[in-house]
């Protein structure tokens, strides 16, 4: 088996079906299996999956509760038979033979431990994805909008260069050229099974968000490269099973956890100050621009920090 494709599902029946159909239709020249880990969906997802499993190489793991992103992906990886593992979100659509070609590229590049492709919106515009490990300089620049200042993001490479003002994004075609980076998003993360297993898999202390940063941190410490490969791309609809509030608060919590595991205590204390300061600024800005209701998310993020 060349590739095990692992998808975690939580109440995304419609787009899950479209995602699976796109994978089955486009993936060629490799032997693959699809493992869907269902986190106690109540929308009829299992009926769909059982039908697909009758005709296609689809395996199903059913959880009796929402186990979270990391635990569920680890469950899929444990039974995976492929040399390579692809962790891919259910809210994605694969065009052309992206999976087959990226596996073949990985075979020709044995120093690469993790790779990803470009993520695009439904209108074919580029999404920001992945970035550089969140040291204190990067978090400070992000929280206090310094990375929005022209040229600053060339000096302090951003934690996640996602904003269109970025001079990296505009001037260097950051998302249009293949390059090494520190981490890639769990929406599309291709790795070798032996590398993933040696790294210990996803850290299950993270429920959702930042677990891919932690995984790439450990894989890079083992000497492997992490690559962004925009020669290939998929459509990522984004946020299909979460609200606007959830990823912001979860990322704050994830960063605190990442620092507690990988950084000295004094840095964790500074991180929390930066996060609280950034959240406070955004509370004021949202109140002025969008009203008090819009500011509530960052009020909760302030408490979470």
C-alpha atoms as a PDB file:
ATOM      1  CA  UNK A   1       0.000   0.000   0.000  1.00  0.00           C
ATOM      2  CA  UNK A   2       1.419   3.379  -1.029  1.00  0.00           C
ATOM      3  CA  UNK A   3      -0.876   5.795   0.772  1.00  0.00           C
ATOM      4  CA  UNK A   4      -3.338   5.850   3.642  1.00  0.00           C
ATOM      5  CA  UNK A   5      -5.671   8.854   3.479  1.00  0.00           C
ATOM      6  CA  UNK A   6      -7.023   9.739   6.915  1.00  0.00           C
ATOM      7  CA  UNK A   7     -10.060  11.993   7.329  1.00  0.00           C
ATOM      8  CA  UNK A   8     -11.653  12.999  10.619  1.00  0.00           C
ATOM      9  CA  UNK A   9     -15.386  13.677  10.307  1.00  0.00           C
ATOM     10  CA  UNK A  10     -17.732  15.491  12.628  1.00  0.00           C
ATOM     11  CA  UNK A  11     -21.168  16.224  11.188  1.00  0.00           C
ATOM     12  CA  UNK A  12     -19.953  17.147   7.703  1.00  0.00           C
ATOM     13  CA  UNK A  13     -21.869  14.540   5.685  1.00  0.00           C
ATOM     14  CA  UNK A  14     -22.437  16.573   2.517  1.00  0.00           C
ATOM     15  CA  UNK A  15     -18.921  17.910   2.054  1.00  0.00           C
ATOM     16  CA  UNK A  16     -17.407  14.642   3.284  1.00  0.00           C
ATOM     17  CA  UNK A  17     -19.190  12.861   0.448  1.00  0.00           C
ATOM     18  CA  UNK A  18     -17.904  15.417  -2.055  1.00  0.00           C
ATOM     19  CA  UNK A  19     -14.381  15.140  -0.637  1.00  0.00           C
ATOM     20  CA  UNK A  20     -14.345  11.342  -0.878  1.00  0.00           C
ATOM     21  CA  UNK A  21     -15.770  11.420  -4.370  1.00  0.00           C
ATOM     22  CA  UNK A  22     -13.049  13.826  -5.491  1.00  0.00           C
ATOM     23  CA  UNK A  23     -10.316  11.625  -3.998  1.00  0.00           C
ATOM     24  CA  UNK A  24     -11.668   8.446  -5.569  1.00  0.00           C
ATOM     25  CA  UNK A  25     -12.172  10.111  -8.947  1.00  0.00           C
ATOM     26  CA  UNK A  26      -8.731  11.737  -9.234  1.00  0.00           C
ATOM     27  CA  UNK A  27      -6.196   9.541  -7.417  1.00  0.00           C
ATOM     28  CA  UNK A  28      -4.193   7.399  -9.846  1.00  0.00           C
ATOM     29  CA  UNK A  29      -0.907   5.507 -10.223  1.00  0.00           C
ATOM     30  CA  UNK A  30      -0.722   4.559  -6.538  1.00  0.00           C
ATOM     31  CA  UNK A  31      -2.378   1.997  -4.279  1.00  0.00           C
ATOM     32  CA  UNK A  32      -4.332   3.749  -1.560  1.00  0.00           C
ATOM     33  CA  UNK A  33      -6.889   3.332   1.178  1.00  0.00           C
ATOM     34  CA  UNK A  34      -9.183   5.850   2.826  1.00  0.00           C
ATOM     35  CA  UNK A  35      -9.710   5.736   6.581  1.00  0.00           C
ATOM     36  CA  UNK A  36     -12.513   7.905   7.932  1.00  0.00           C
ATOM     37  CA  UNK A  37     -12.652   8.406  11.694  1.00  0.00           C
ATOM     38  CA  UNK A  38     -16.124   9.590  12.656  1.00  0.00           C
ATOM     39  CA  UNK A  39     -16.349  11.598  15.877  1.00  0.00           C
ATOM     40  CA  UNK A  40     -19.913  10.681  16.827  1.00  0.00           C
ATOM     41  CA  UNK A  41     -21.659  12.476  13.964  1.00  0.00           C
ATOM     42  CA  UNK A  42     -25.448  12.781  14.133  1.00  0.00           C
ATOM     43  CA  UNK A  43     -26.066  13.831  10.517  1.00  0.00           C
ATOM     44  CA  UNK A  44     -26.201  10.469   8.753  1.00  0.00           C
ATOM     45  CA  UNK A  45     -22.499  10.396   7.885  1.00  0.00           C
ATOM     46  CA  UNK A  46     -22.205   6.716   8.773  1.00  0.00           C
ATOM     47  CA  UNK A  47     -24.907   5.720   6.297  1.00  0.00           C
ATOM     48  CA  UNK A  48     -22.967   7.472   3.546  1.00  0.00           C
ATOM     49  CA  UNK A  49     -19.677   5.902   4.598  1.00  0.00           C
ATOM     50  CA  UNK A  50     -21.059   2.373   4.733  1.00  0.00           C
ATOM     51  CA  UNK A  51     -22.406   2.727   1.185  1.00  0.00           C
ATOM     52  CA  UNK A  52     -19.058   3.959  -0.101  1.00  0.00           C
ATOM     53  CA  UNK A  53     -17.203   1.183   1.713  1.00  0.00           C
ATOM     54  CA  UNK A  54     -19.135  -1.400  -0.313  1.00  0.00           C
ATOM     55  CA  UNK A  55     -17.565  -0.189  -3.565  1.00  0.00           C
ATOM     56  CA  UNK A  56     -14.335   1.606  -2.644  1.00  0.00           C
ATOM     57  CA  UNK A  57     -11.309   1.103  -0.339  1.00  0.00           C
ATOM     58  CA  UNK A  58     -12.919   2.987   2.546  1.00  0.00           C
ATOM     59  CA  UNK A  59     -12.417   1.894   6.157  1.00  0.00           C
ATOM     60  CA  UNK A  60     -14.412   3.376   9.023  1.00  0.00           C
ATOM     61  CA  UNK A  61     -13.627   3.978  12.689  1.00  0.00           C
ATOM     62  CA  UNK A  62     -16.603   5.027  14.791  1.00  0.00           C
ATOM     63  CA  UNK A  63     -16.111   6.987  18.019  1.00  0.00           C
ATOM     64  CA  UNK A  64     -18.882   7.296  20.588  1.00  0.00           C
ATOM     65  CA  UNK A  65     -17.876  10.873  21.371  1.00  0.00           C
ATOM     66  CA  UNK A  66     -16.027  13.735  19.704  1.00  0.00           C
ATOM     67  CA  UNK A  67     -12.493  12.612  20.465  1.00  0.00           C
ATOM     68  CA  UNK A  68     -10.865  15.657  18.851  1.00  0.00           C
ATOM     69  CA  UNK A  69      -8.573  16.037  15.876  1.00  0.00           C
ATOM     70  CA  UNK A  70      -5.346  14.541  17.234  1.00  0.00           C
ATOM     71  CA  UNK A  71      -6.786  11.454  18.914  1.00  0.00           C
ATOM     72  CA  UNK A  72      -8.948  10.631  15.900  1.00  0.00           C
ATOM     73  CA  UNK A  73      -6.058  10.998  13.442  1.00  0.00           C
ATOM     74  CA  UNK A  74      -3.874   8.807  15.648  1.00  0.00           C
ATOM     75  CA  UNK A  75      -6.592   6.158  15.575  1.00  0.00           C
ATOM     76  CA  UNK A  76      -6.541   6.218  11.795  1.00  0.00           C
ATOM     77  CA  UNK A  77      -2.744   6.131  11.637  1.00  0.00           C
ATOM     78  CA  UNK A  78      -2.631   3.123  13.957  1.00  0.00           C
ATOM     79  CA  UNK A  79      -4.460   0.917  11.449  1.00  0.00           C
ATOM     80  CA  UNK A  80      -2.972   2.536   8.336  1.00  0.00           C
ATOM     81  CA  UNK A  81      -1.265   0.161   5.921  1.00  0.00           C
ATOM     82  CA  UNK A  82       0.325   2.751   3.636  1.00  0.00           C
ATOM     83  CA  UNK A  83       3.982   3.753   3.463  1.00  0.00           C
ATOM     84  CA  UNK A  84       2.714   7.330   3.423  1.00  0.00           C
ATOM     85  CA  UNK A  85      -0.066   8.930   5.438  1.00  0.00           C
ATOM     86  CA  UNK A  86      -2.091  11.911   4.285  1.00  0.00           C
ATOM     87  CA  UNK A  87      -4.097  13.786   6.893  1.00  0.00           C
ATOM     88  CA  UNK A  88      -6.719  15.760   5.008  1.00  0.00           C
ATOM     89  CA  UNK A  89      -9.827  17.650   6.119  1.00  0.00           C
ATOM     90  CA  UNK A  90     -13.304  16.615   5.087  1.00  0.00           C
ATOM     91  CA  UNK A  91     -13.938  20.146   3.771  1.00  0.00           C
ATOM     92  CA  UNK A  92     -11.522  19.756   0.862  1.00  0.00           C
ATOM     93  CA  UNK A  93     -11.862  18.901  -2.809  1.00  0.00           C
ATOM     94  CA  UNK A  94      -9.043  17.258  -4.728  1.00  0.00           C
ATOM     95  CA  UNK A  95      -8.489  18.253  -8.342  1.00  0.00           C
ATOM     96  CA  UNK A  96      -6.366  16.192 -10.743  1.00  0.00           C
ATOM     97  CA  UNK A  97      -3.995  13.497  -9.467  1.00  0.00           C
ATOM     98  CA  UNK A  98      -2.557  15.596  -6.636  1.00  0.00           C
ATOM     99  CA  UNK A  99      -2.232  12.731  -4.169  1.00  0.00           C
ATOM    100  CA  UNK A 100      -0.592  10.299  -6.553  1.00  0.00           C
ATOM    101  CA  UNK A 101       1.886  12.863  -7.860  1.00  0.00           C
ATOM    102  CA  UNK A 102       2.855  14.107  -4.408  1.00  0.00           C
ATOM    103  CA  UNK A 103       3.550  10.575  -3.205  1.00  0.00           C
ATOM    104  CA  UNK A 104       5.806  10.036  -6.221  1.00  0.00           C
ATOM    105  CA  UNK A 105       7.538  13.376  -5.514  1.00  0.00           C
ATOM    106  CA  UNK A 106       8.123  12.256  -1.919  1.00  0.00           C
ATOM    107  CA  UNK A 107       9.740   9.062  -3.151  1.00  0.00           C
ATOM    108  CA  UNK A 108      12.244  11.183  -5.094  1.00  0.00           C
ATOM    109  CA  UNK A 109      12.947  13.430  -2.082  1.00  0.00           C
ATOM    110  CA  UNK A 110      13.899  11.158   0.830  1.00  0.00           C
ATOM    111  CA  UNK A 111      14.972  14.008   3.169  1.00  0.00           C
ATOM    112  CA  UNK A 112      11.444  15.408   3.269  1.00  0.00           C
ATOM    113  CA  UNK A 113       9.430  14.360   6.315  1.00  0.00           C
ATOM    114  CA  UNK A 114       6.317  16.485   5.772  1.00  0.00           C
ATOM    115  CA  UNK A 115       4.866  18.230   2.749  1.00  0.00           C
ATOM    116  CA  UNK A 116       1.732  20.075   1.768  1.00  0.00           C
ATOM    117  CA  UNK A 117       0.229  21.598  -1.344  1.00  0.00           C
ATOM    118  CA  UNK A 118      -1.333  25.007  -1.934  1.00  0.00           C
ATOM    119  CA  UNK A 119      -4.796  25.510  -0.459  1.00  0.00           C
ATOM    120  CA  UNK A 120      -7.299  27.515  -2.476  1.00  0.00           C
ATOM    121  CA  UNK A 121     -10.691  29.017  -1.813  1.00  0.00           C
ATOM    122  CA  UNK A 122     -13.709  27.983  -3.859  1.00  0.00           C
ATOM    123  CA  UNK A 123     -13.081  30.975  -6.164  1.00  0.00           C
ATOM    124  CA  UNK A 124      -9.549  29.640  -6.817  1.00  0.00           C
ATOM    125  CA  UNK A 125      -7.833  32.395  -4.808  1.00  0.00           C
ATOM    126  CA  UNK A 126      -4.932  31.387  -2.578  1.00  0.00           C
ATOM    127  CA  UNK A 127      -5.318  30.710   1.139  1.00  0.00           C
ATOM    128  CA  UNK A 128      -2.629  31.295   3.689  1.00  0.00           C
ATOM    129  CA  UNK A 129      -1.429  28.008   5.114  1.00  0.00           C
ATOM    130  CA  UNK A 130       1.260  26.949   7.549  1.00  0.00           C
ATOM    131  CA  UNK A 131       4.172  29.163   8.515  1.00  0.00           C
ATOM    132  CA  UNK A 132       7.037  29.388  10.981  1.00  0.00           C
ATOM    133  CA  UNK A 133       7.341  28.255  14.582  1.00  0.00           C
ATOM    134  CA  UNK A 134       5.772  30.785  16.997  1.00  0.00           C
ATOM    135  CA  UNK A 135       8.744  32.154  18.895  1.00  0.00           C
ATOM    136  CA  UNK A 136       8.154  35.236  21.039  1.00  0.00           C
ATOM    137  CA  UNK A 137       9.197  37.689  18.315  1.00  0.00           C
ATOM    138  CA  UNK A 138       6.680  36.190  15.895  1.00  0.00           C
ATOM    139  CA  UNK A 139       3.856  36.124  18.437  1.00  0.00           C
ATOM    140  CA  UNK A 140       4.556  39.756  19.448  1.00  0.00           C
ATOM    141  CA  UNK A 141       4.608  40.876  15.792  1.00  0.00           C
ATOM    142  CA  UNK A 142       1.335  39.032  15.159  1.00  0.00           C
ATOM    143  CA  UNK A 143      -0.501  40.246  18.261  1.00  0.00           C
ATOM    144  CA  UNK A 144       0.494  43.877  17.867  1.00  0.00           C
ATOM    145  CA  UNK A 145       0.105  44.081  14.071  1.00  0.00           C
ATOM    146  CA  UNK A 146       3.819  44.672  13.421  1.00  0.00           C
ATOM    147  CA  UNK A 147       3.827  42.016  10.707  1.00  0.00           C
ATOM    148  CA  UNK A 148       1.369  44.218   8.772  1.00  0.00           C
ATOM    149  CA  UNK A 149       4.060  46.876   8.420  1.00  0.00           C
ATOM    150  CA  UNK A 150       5.794  46.630   5.020  1.00  0.00           C
ATOM    151  CA  UNK A 151       9.080  44.661   5.108  1.00  0.00           C
ATOM    152  CA  UNK A 152       8.743  43.608   8.770  1.00  0.00           C
ATOM    153  CA  UNK A 153       7.585  40.136   7.759  1.00  0.00           C
ATOM    154  CA  UNK A 154      10.810  39.728   5.772  1.00  0.00           C
ATOM    155  CA  UNK A 155      12.790  40.217   8.983  1.00  0.00           C
ATOM    156  CA  UNK A 156      10.477  38.368  11.366  1.00  0.00           C
ATOM    157  CA  UNK A 157       9.004  35.484   9.392  1.00  0.00           C
ATOM    158  CA  UNK A 158       5.359  35.238  10.466  1.00  0.00           C
ATOM    159  CA  UNK A 159       3.813  32.458  12.503  1.00  0.00           C
ATOM    160  CA  UNK A 160       1.076  32.183   9.888  1.00  0.00           C
ATOM    161  CA  UNK A 161       1.460  34.569   6.938  1.00  0.00           C
ATOM    162  CA  UNK A 162      -2.201  34.681   6.079  1.00  0.00           C
ATOM    163  CA  UNK A 163      -2.993  38.357   5.566  1.00  0.00           C
ATOM    164  CA  UNK A 164      -2.954  39.873   2.053  1.00  0.00           C
ATOM    165  CA  UNK A 165      -1.045  42.975   3.255  1.00  0.00           C
ATOM    166  CA  UNK A 166       2.030  40.842   3.840  1.00  0.00           C
ATOM    167  CA  UNK A 167       5.031  41.885   1.767  1.00  0.00           C
ATOM    168  CA  UNK A 168       6.068  38.249   1.695  1.00  0.00           C
ATOM    169  CA  UNK A 169       2.683  37.364   0.191  1.00  0.00           C
ATOM    170  CA  UNK A 170       2.779  40.138  -2.422  1.00  0.00           C
ATOM    171  CA  UNK A 171       6.453  40.733  -3.143  1.00  0.00           C
ATOM    172  CA  UNK A 172       7.857  37.242  -3.143  1.00  0.00           C
ATOM    173  CA  UNK A 173       4.852  35.205  -4.168  1.00  0.00           C
ATOM    174  CA  UNK A 174       5.149  33.329  -0.876  1.00  0.00           C
ATOM    175  CA  UNK A 175       2.338  30.944  -1.695  1.00  0.00           C
ATOM    176  CA  UNK A 176       3.375  30.516  -5.317  1.00  0.00           C
ATOM    177  CA  UNK A 177       6.918  29.158  -4.909  1.00  0.00           C
ATOM    178  CA  UNK A 178       8.077  25.856  -3.430  1.00  0.00           C
ATOM    179  CA  UNK A 179      10.031  26.378  -0.229  1.00  0.00           C
ATOM    180  CA  UNK A 180      10.841  24.918   3.153  1.00  0.00           C
ATOM    181  CA  UNK A 181       8.970  26.143   6.196  1.00  0.00           C
ATOM    182  CA  UNK A 182       8.500  25.096   9.809  1.00  0.00           C
ATOM    183  CA  UNK A 183       4.956  23.756   9.870  1.00  0.00           C
ATOM    184  CA  UNK A 184       2.002  23.042   7.610  1.00  0.00           C
ATOM    185  CA  UNK A 185      -1.687  22.914   8.346  1.00  0.00           C
ATOM    186  CA  UNK A 186      -3.437  19.693   9.281  1.00  0.00           C
ATOM    187  CA  UNK A 187      -5.948  20.351   6.493  1.00  0.00           C
ATOM    188  CA  UNK A 188      -3.422  18.661   4.160  1.00  0.00           C
ATOM    189  CA  UNK A 189      -0.353  17.080   5.754  1.00  0.00           C
ATOM    190  CA  UNK A 190       1.541  14.335   3.947  1.00  0.00           C
ATOM    191  CA  UNK A 191       4.155  12.353   5.845  1.00  0.00           C
ATOM    192  CA  UNK A 192       5.733   8.909   5.988  1.00  0.00           C
ATOM    193  CA  UNK A 193       4.148   6.488   8.418  1.00  0.00           C
ATOM    194  CA  UNK A 194       7.468   5.525   9.997  1.00  0.00           C
ATOM    195  CA  UNK A 195       8.343   9.205  10.578  1.00  0.00           C
ATOM    196  CA  UNK A 196       4.921   9.891  12.091  1.00  0.00           C
ATOM    197  CA  UNK A 197       5.171   6.834  14.349  1.00  0.00           C
ATOM    198  CA  UNK A 198       8.708   7.707  15.507  1.00  0.00           C
ATOM    199  CA  UNK A 199       7.605  11.255  16.343  1.00  0.00           C
ATOM    200  CA  UNK A 200       4.859   9.792  18.515  1.00  0.00           C
ATOM    201  CA  UNK A 201       1.936  10.919  16.390  1.00  0.00           C
ATOM    202  CA  UNK A 202      -0.243  13.879  17.240  1.00  0.00           C
ATOM    203  CA  UNK A 203      -0.015  14.992  20.857  1.00  0.00           C
ATOM    204  CA  UNK A 204      -3.452  14.148  22.245  1.00  0.00           C
ATOM    205  CA  UNK A 205      -3.308  16.982  24.791  1.00  0.00           C
ATOM    206  CA  UNK A 206      -4.316  19.266  21.908  1.00  0.00           C
ATOM    207  CA  UNK A 207      -8.011  18.897  21.119  1.00  0.00           C
ATOM    208  CA  UNK A 208      -7.982  20.901  17.885  1.00  0.00           C
ATOM    209  CA  UNK A 209      -5.636  23.616  16.481  1.00  0.00           C
ATOM    210  CA  UNK A 210      -1.837  23.893  16.985  1.00  0.00           C
ATOM    211  CA  UNK A 211      -1.372  20.111  17.121  1.00  0.00           C
ATOM    212  CA  UNK A 212       0.163  20.200  13.626  1.00  0.00           C
ATOM    213  CA  UNK A 213       2.658  22.856  14.792  1.00  0.00           C
ATOM    214  CA  UNK A 214       3.693  20.573  17.636  1.00  0.00           C
ATOM    215  CA  UNK A 215       3.953  17.547  15.321  1.00  0.00           C
ATOM    216  CA  UNK A 216       6.131  19.402  12.802  1.00  0.00           C
ATOM    217  CA  UNK A 217       8.287  20.702  15.668  1.00  0.00           C
ATOM    218  CA  UNK A 218       9.092  17.129  16.712  1.00  0.00           C
ATOM    219  CA  UNK A 219       9.595  15.900  13.150  1.00  0.00           C
ATOM    220  CA  UNK A 220      11.985  18.764  12.351  1.00  0.00           C
ATOM    221  CA  UNK A 221      13.899  18.058  15.577  1.00  0.00           C
ATOM    222  CA  UNK A 222      14.461  14.571  14.193  1.00  0.00           C
ATOM    223  CA  UNK A 223      16.195  16.148  11.178  1.00  0.00           C
ATOM    224  CA  UNK A 224      13.440  16.028   8.545  1.00  0.00           C
ATOM    225  CA  UNK A 225      12.500  18.804   6.131  1.00  0.00           C
ATOM    226  CA  UNK A 226       9.045  20.378   5.826  1.00  0.00           C
ATOM    227  CA  UNK A 227       8.015  21.587   2.342  1.00  0.00           C
ATOM    228  CA  UNK A 228       5.274  23.692   0.792  1.00  0.00           C
ATOM    229  CA  UNK A 229       4.633  22.605  -2.821  1.00  0.00           C
ATOM    230  CA  UNK A 230       2.319  24.947  -4.759  1.00  0.00           C
ATOM    231  CA  UNK A 231       2.812  22.985  -7.968  1.00  0.00           C
ATOM    232  CA  UNK A 232      -0.185  21.052  -6.610  1.00  0.00           C
ATOM    233  CA  UNK A 233      -3.317  22.476  -5.002  1.00  0.00           C
ATOM    234  CA  UNK A 234      -6.682  21.514  -3.548  1.00  0.00           C
ATOM    235  CA  UNK A 235      -9.822  23.442  -2.672  1.00  0.00           C
ATOM    236  CA  UNK A 236     -10.225  24.043   1.068  1.00  0.00           C
ATOM    237  CA  UNK A 237     -13.671  25.303   2.048  1.00  0.00           C
ATOM    238  CA  UNK A 238     -12.535  25.926   5.629  1.00  0.00           C
ATOM    239  CA  UNK A 239     -14.223  25.898   9.022  1.00  0.00           C
ATOM    240  CA  UNK A 240     -17.021  23.524   8.103  1.00  0.00           C
ATOM    241  CA  UNK A 241     -17.387  22.039  11.593  1.00  0.00           C
ATOM    242  CA  UNK A 242     -16.496  25.050  13.763  1.00  0.00           C
ATOM    243  CA  UNK A 243     -17.593  28.616  14.416  1.00  0.00           C
ATOM    244  CA  UNK A 244     -15.556  31.833  14.052  1.00  0.00           C
ATOM    245  CA  UNK A 245     -15.015  31.934  17.810  1.00  0.00           C
ATOM    246  CA  UNK A 246     -13.777  28.380  18.248  1.00  0.00           C
ATOM    247  CA  UNK A 247     -10.521  28.506  16.231  1.00  0.00           C
ATOM    248  CA  UNK A 248      -9.400  31.794  17.800  1.00  0.00           C
ATOM    249  CA  UNK A 249      -9.811  30.628  21.380  1.00  0.00           C
ATOM    250  CA  UNK A 250      -8.465  27.164  20.550  1.00  0.00           C
ATOM    251  CA  UNK A 251      -5.341  28.643  18.974  1.00  0.00           C
ATOM    252  CA  UNK A 252      -4.680  30.754  22.070  1.00  0.00           C
ATOM    253  CA  UNK A 253      -5.030  27.641  24.228  1.00  0.00           C
ATOM    254  CA  UNK A 254      -2.929  25.627  21.798  1.00  0.00           C
ATOM    255  CA  UNK A 255      -0.091  28.140  21.881  1.00  0.00           C
ATOM    256  CA  UNK A 256      -0.041  28.111  25.669  1.00  0.00           C
ATOM    257  CA  UNK A 257       0.157  24.331  25.606  1.00  0.00           C
ATOM    258  CA  UNK A 258       2.875  24.355  22.924  1.00  0.00           C
ATOM    259  CA  UNK A 259       4.995  26.698  25.039  1.00  0.00           C
ATOM    260  CA  UNK A 260       4.439  24.702  28.221  1.00  0.00           C
ATOM    261  CA  UNK A 261       5.715  21.604  26.431  1.00  0.00           C
ATOM    262  CA  UNK A 262       8.590  23.079  24.422  1.00  0.00           C
ATOM    263  CA  UNK A 263       9.713  26.379  25.962  1.00  0.00           C
ATOM    264  CA  UNK A 264      11.063  27.569  29.349  1.00  0.00           C
ATOM    265  CA  UNK A 265       8.538  28.849  31.891  1.00  0.00           C
ATOM    266  CA  UNK A 266       9.556  32.505  31.553  1.00  0.00           C
ATOM    267  CA  UNK A 267       8.728  32.396  27.860  1.00  0.00           C
ATOM    268  CA  UNK A 268       5.302  30.964  28.606  1.00  0.00           C
ATOM    269  CA  UNK A 269       4.648  33.900  30.931  1.00  0.00           C
ATOM    270  CA  UNK A 270       5.657  36.400  28.240  1.00  0.00           C
ATOM    271  CA  UNK A 271       3.539  34.568  25.668  1.00  0.00           C
ATOM    272  CA  UNK A 272       0.450  35.011  27.846  1.00  0.00           C
ATOM    273  CA  UNK A 273       1.158  38.729  28.235  1.00  0.00           C
ATOM    274  CA  UNK A 274       1.453  39.095  24.452  1.00  0.00           C
ATOM    275  CA  UNK A 275      -1.751  37.137  23.839  1.00  0.00           C
ATOM    276  CA  UNK A 276      -3.696  39.170  26.395  1.00  0.00           C
ATOM    277  CA  UNK A 277      -2.342  42.420  24.953  1.00  0.00           C
ATOM    278  CA  UNK A 278      -3.260  41.385  21.422  1.00  0.00           C
ATOM    279  CA  UNK A 279      -6.739  40.298  22.490  1.00  0.00           C
ATOM    280  CA  UNK A 280      -7.301  43.597  24.347  1.00  0.00           C
ATOM    281  CA  UNK A 281      -6.401  45.629  21.249  1.00  0.00           C
ATOM    282  CA  UNK A 282      -8.776  43.555  19.144  1.00  0.00           C
ATOM    283  CA  UNK A 283     -11.611  44.010  21.656  1.00  0.00           C
ATOM    284  CA  UNK A 284     -11.326  47.773  21.219  1.00  0.00           C
ATOM    285  CA  UNK A 285     -11.012  47.576  17.420  1.00  0.00           C
ATOM    286  CA  UNK A 286     -13.964  45.223  17.050  1.00  0.00           C
ATOM    287  CA  UNK A 287     -16.124  47.405  19.311  1.00  0.00           C
ATOM    288  CA  UNK A 288     -15.347  50.431  17.169  1.00  0.00           C
ATOM    289  CA  UNK A 289     -15.677  48.740  13.788  1.00  0.00           C
ATOM    290  CA  UNK A 290     -18.252  45.985  14.257  1.00  0.00           C
ATOM    291  CA  UNK A 291     -19.956  46.506  17.591  1.00  0.00           C
ATOM    292  CA  UNK A 292     -19.897  44.879  21.019  1.00  0.00           C
ATOM    293  CA  UNK A 293     -21.223  41.514  19.854  1.00  0.00           C
ATOM    294  CA  UNK A 294     -18.271  41.078  17.478  1.00  0.00           C
ATOM    295  CA  UNK A 295     -15.849  41.940  20.283  1.00  0.00           C
ATOM    296  CA  UNK A 296     -17.110  39.144  22.542  1.00  0.00           C
ATOM    297  CA  UNK A 297     -14.915  36.546  20.844  1.00  0.00           C
ATOM    298  CA  UNK A 298     -11.741  38.391  21.776  1.00  0.00           C
ATOM    299  CA  UNK A 299     -13.075  39.053  25.274  1.00  0.00           C
ATOM    300  CA  UNK A 300     -13.240  35.282  25.655  1.00  0.00           C
ATOM    301  CA  UNK A 301      -9.799  34.944  24.059  1.00  0.00           C
ATOM    302  CA  UNK A 302      -8.458  37.464  26.616  1.00  0.00           C
ATOM    303  CA  UNK A 303      -9.735  35.248  29.420  1.00  0.00           C
ATOM    304  CA  UNK A 304      -8.329  32.144  27.723  1.00  0.00           C
ATOM    305  CA  UNK A 305      -4.861  33.730  27.477  1.00  0.00           C
END
